Amino acid sequence: MLIKRTHIVPVLIAALAFPAAAFAAADPGAGDTIAIGHAEVARIAPLQRPIDRFHHLIDTVTHRIRAERRAAVRRQRRELFAALPGGVTMGTLESIASCESGGDPTAVSSDGSYRGKYQFDFGTWESVGGSGDPAAAPEQEQDYRAALLYAQSGSSPWPICG
């Protein structure tokens, strides 16, 4: 039987945690108690060290999986925008977005007229092929539309941040 990589952590947790909890519950007079869910379970010194190692292993594996996912998202993003319109780079766009909205694709100005990661107004958004609310558009679309605008007008649409 082949177990997918994403199922390894839950299987390990179930295989190791339940027997340890059952063994710990069998000796309630062993000293200090710890809370597991709504039950108080005795802390058994011989089991505590393996349990701590197991928790450390779970934290390490979780950290690695999250790091791999972040790296995959960055790779995918680089591939998507390898050839942005007008030769604009993602670095340039990220700099503008950071200044305009802190990089938040859902940002809306205080008066509501500038929206999204690049603080488009509705007219400018529509002029580069966008439809609807820029702040509701996917981040990748906002990046693409900003690259189109930069290719047409340079940094002038962002007089402070461009």
Protein backbone atom coordinates (compact mmCIF):
# COMPACT_ATOMS: atom_id res chain seq x y z
CA MET A 1 0.00 0.00 0.00
CA LEU A 2 1.36 3.40 -0.98
CA ILE A 3 0.84 6.23 1.52
CA LYS A 4 0.93 9.73 0.11
CA ARG A 5 3.50 12.03 1.65
CA THR A 6 0.78 14.34 2.95
CA HIS A 7 -0.63 11.49 5.04
CA ILE A 8 2.59 10.59 6.83
CA VAL A 9 2.29 13.14 9.64
CA PRO A 10 -1.31 12.26 10.63
CA VAL A 11 -0.49 8.54 10.48
CA LEU A 12 2.57 9.05 12.70
CA ILE A 13 0.56 11.10 15.16
CA ALA A 14 -2.17 8.47 15.39
CA ALA A 15 0.29 5.59 15.64
CA LEU A 16 2.40 7.14 18.38
CA ALA A 17 0.10 9.45 20.31
CA PHE A 18 -2.80 7.11 21.04
CA PRO A 19 -0.78 4.25 22.57
CA ALA A 20 1.25 6.75 24.61
CA ALA A 21 -1.92 8.43 25.90
CA ALA A 22 -3.48 5.07 26.73
CA PHE A 23 -0.35 3.96 28.60
CA ALA A 24 -0.21 7.26 30.47
CA ALA A 25 -3.87 6.97 31.44
CA ALA A 26 -3.28 3.49 32.85
CA ASP A 27 -1.07 4.83 35.67
CA PRO A 28 -2.92 7.81 37.18
CA GLY A 29 -0.89 7.85 40.41
CA ALA A 30 2.46 8.60 38.77
CA GLY A 31 2.83 12.21 39.89
CA ASP A 32 2.17 15.36 37.91
CA THR A 33 -0.75 15.38 35.54
CA ILE A 34 -1.16 17.03 32.18
CA ALA A 35 -4.34 17.95 30.35
CA ILE A 36 -5.07 16.16 27.08
CA GLY A 37 -8.30 17.51 25.70
CA HIS A 38 -10.77 17.50 28.60
CA ALA A 39 -9.07 14.65 30.47
CA GLU A 40 -6.27 14.87 32.99
CA VAL A 41 -3.60 12.29 32.27
CA ALA A 42 -0.69 11.37 34.48
CA ARG A 43 2.76 12.35 33.26
CA ILE A 44 4.96 9.28 33.05
CA ALA A 45 8.63 10.21 33.17
CA PRO A 46 9.91 7.37 30.94
CA LEU A 47 7.49 8.39 28.19
CA GLN A 48 7.97 12.15 28.43
CA ARG A 49 11.30 12.27 26.60
CA PRO A 50 10.10 10.21 23.59
CA ILE A 51 6.93 12.27 23.50
CA ASP A 52 8.96 15.50 23.51
CA ARG A 53 11.15 14.12 20.69
CA PHE A 54 8.05 13.17 18.76
CA HIS A 55 6.62 16.69 19.14
CA HIS A 56 9.94 18.11 17.97
CA LEU A 57 9.89 15.78 14.95
CA ILE A 58 6.35 16.87 14.08
CA ASP A 59 7.34 20.56 14.36
CA THR A 60 10.40 19.99 12.16
CA VAL A 61 8.48 18.08 9.47
CA THR A 62 5.69 20.68 9.50
CA HIS A 63 8.25 23.47 9.10
CA ARG A 64 9.89 21.69 6.16
CA ILE A 65 6.57 21.04 4.42
CA ARG A 66 5.56 24.70 4.78
CA ALA A 67 8.96 25.84 3.49
CA GLU A 68 8.62 23.54 0.47
CA ARG A 69 5.15 24.90 -0.25
CA ARG A 70 6.38 28.50 -0.02
CA ALA A 71 9.26 27.67 -2.38
CA ALA A 72 6.84 26.02 -4.82
CA VAL A 73 4.60 29.11 -4.78
CA ARG A 74 7.61 31.36 -5.43
CA ARG A 75 8.74 29.10 -8.32
CA GLN A 76 5.24 29.08 -9.81
CA ARG A 77 5.02 32.85 -9.50
CA ARG A 78 8.41 33.32 -11.23
CA GLU A 79 7.29 31.01 -14.04
CA LEU A 80 3.97 32.83 -14.44
CA PHE A 81 5.67 36.18 -14.70
CA ALA A 82 8.85 35.18 -16.49
CA ALA A 83 7.83 37.36 -19.42
CA LEU A 84 5.86 40.29 -18.05
CA PRO A 85 4.61 42.84 -20.58
CA GLY A 86 6.96 45.69 -21.43
CA GLY A 87 9.97 44.05 -19.79
CA VAL A 88 8.94 45.14 -16.28
CA THR A 89 10.37 42.94 -13.55
CA MET A 90 8.58 41.44 -10.55
CA GLY A 91 11.05 43.36 -8.38
CA THR A 92 9.79 46.65 -9.81
CA LEU A 93 6.17 45.63 -9.30
CA GLU A 94 6.84 44.41 -5.76
CA SER A 95 8.49 47.73 -4.93
CA ILE A 96 5.49 49.70 -6.22
CA ALA A 97 3.00 47.40 -4.44
CA SER A 98 4.92 47.61 -1.18
CA CYS A 99 4.81 51.41 -1.29
CA GLU A 100 1.20 51.69 -2.50
CA SER A 101 -0.57 49.12 -0.34
CA GLY A 102 2.02 47.31 1.75
CA GLY A 103 1.63 44.49 -0.80
CA ASP A 104 -1.97 43.82 0.25
CA PRO A 105 -4.08 42.83 -2.78
CA THR A 106 -7.31 43.66 -0.90
CA ALA A 107 -6.25 47.17 0.20
CA VAL A 108 -8.70 50.03 -0.31
CA SER A 109 -7.84 53.71 0.14
CA SER A 110 -9.60 55.64 2.90
CA ASP A 111 -11.98 57.31 0.42
CA GLY A 112 -12.49 54.06 -1.52
CA SER A 113 -11.35 55.40 -4.88
CA TYR A 114 -8.03 53.48 -5.08
CA ARG A 115 -8.16 49.74 -4.75
CA GLY A 116 -5.98 46.66 -4.70
CA LYS A 117 -2.30 45.93 -4.45
CA TYR A 118 -1.37 48.75 -6.88
CA GLN A 119 -4.16 51.14 -5.83
CA PHE A 120 -5.90 51.24 -9.21
CA ASP A 121 -8.87 53.52 -9.73
CA PHE A 122 -11.72 51.96 -11.70
CA GLY A 123 -10.97 53.88 -14.92
CA THR A 124 -7.30 52.88 -14.99
CA TRP A 125 -8.17 49.29 -14.10
CA GLU A 126 -10.59 49.11 -17.02
CA SER A 127 -8.06 50.76 -19.37
CA VAL A 128 -5.72 47.78 -18.94
CA GLY A 129 -8.47 45.20 -19.45
CA GLY A 130 -9.61 44.70 -15.87
CA SER A 131 -13.25 44.34 -14.94
CA GLY A 132 -15.02 44.68 -11.63
CA ASP A 133 -13.30 45.71 -8.42
CA PRO A 134 -9.47 45.65 -8.57
CA ALA A 135 -9.31 44.77 -4.85
CA ALA A 136 -11.44 41.67 -5.51
CA ALA A 137 -9.30 40.46 -8.43
CA PRO A 138 -6.77 37.67 -7.87
CA GLU A 139 -3.30 38.93 -6.97
CA GLN A 140 -1.80 37.46 -10.15
CA GLU A 141 -4.26 39.42 -12.27
CA GLN A 142 -3.42 42.61 -10.39
CA ASP A 143 0.28 41.96 -11.04
CA TYR A 144 -0.38 41.38 -14.75
CA ARG A 145 -2.56 44.50 -15.11
CA ALA A 146 0.05 46.60 -13.28
CA ALA A 147 2.72 45.29 -15.66
CA LEU A 148 0.53 46.27 -18.62
CA LEU A 149 0.06 49.75 -17.16
CA TYR A 150 3.79 50.07 -16.49
CA ALA A 151 4.52 49.00 -20.09
CA GLN A 152 2.13 51.71 -21.37
CA SER A 153 2.96 54.59 -19.04
CA GLY A 154 6.11 53.76 -17.11
CA SER A 155 6.08 54.76 -13.46
CA SER A 156 3.96 57.89 -13.94
CA PRO A 157 0.71 56.27 -12.71
CA TRP A 158 2.48 55.90 -9.36
CA PRO A 159 4.01 59.37 -8.88
CA ILE A 160 5.18 58.72 -5.31
CA CYS A 161 5.90 55.00 -5.44
CA GLY A 162 6.96 54.48 -9.06
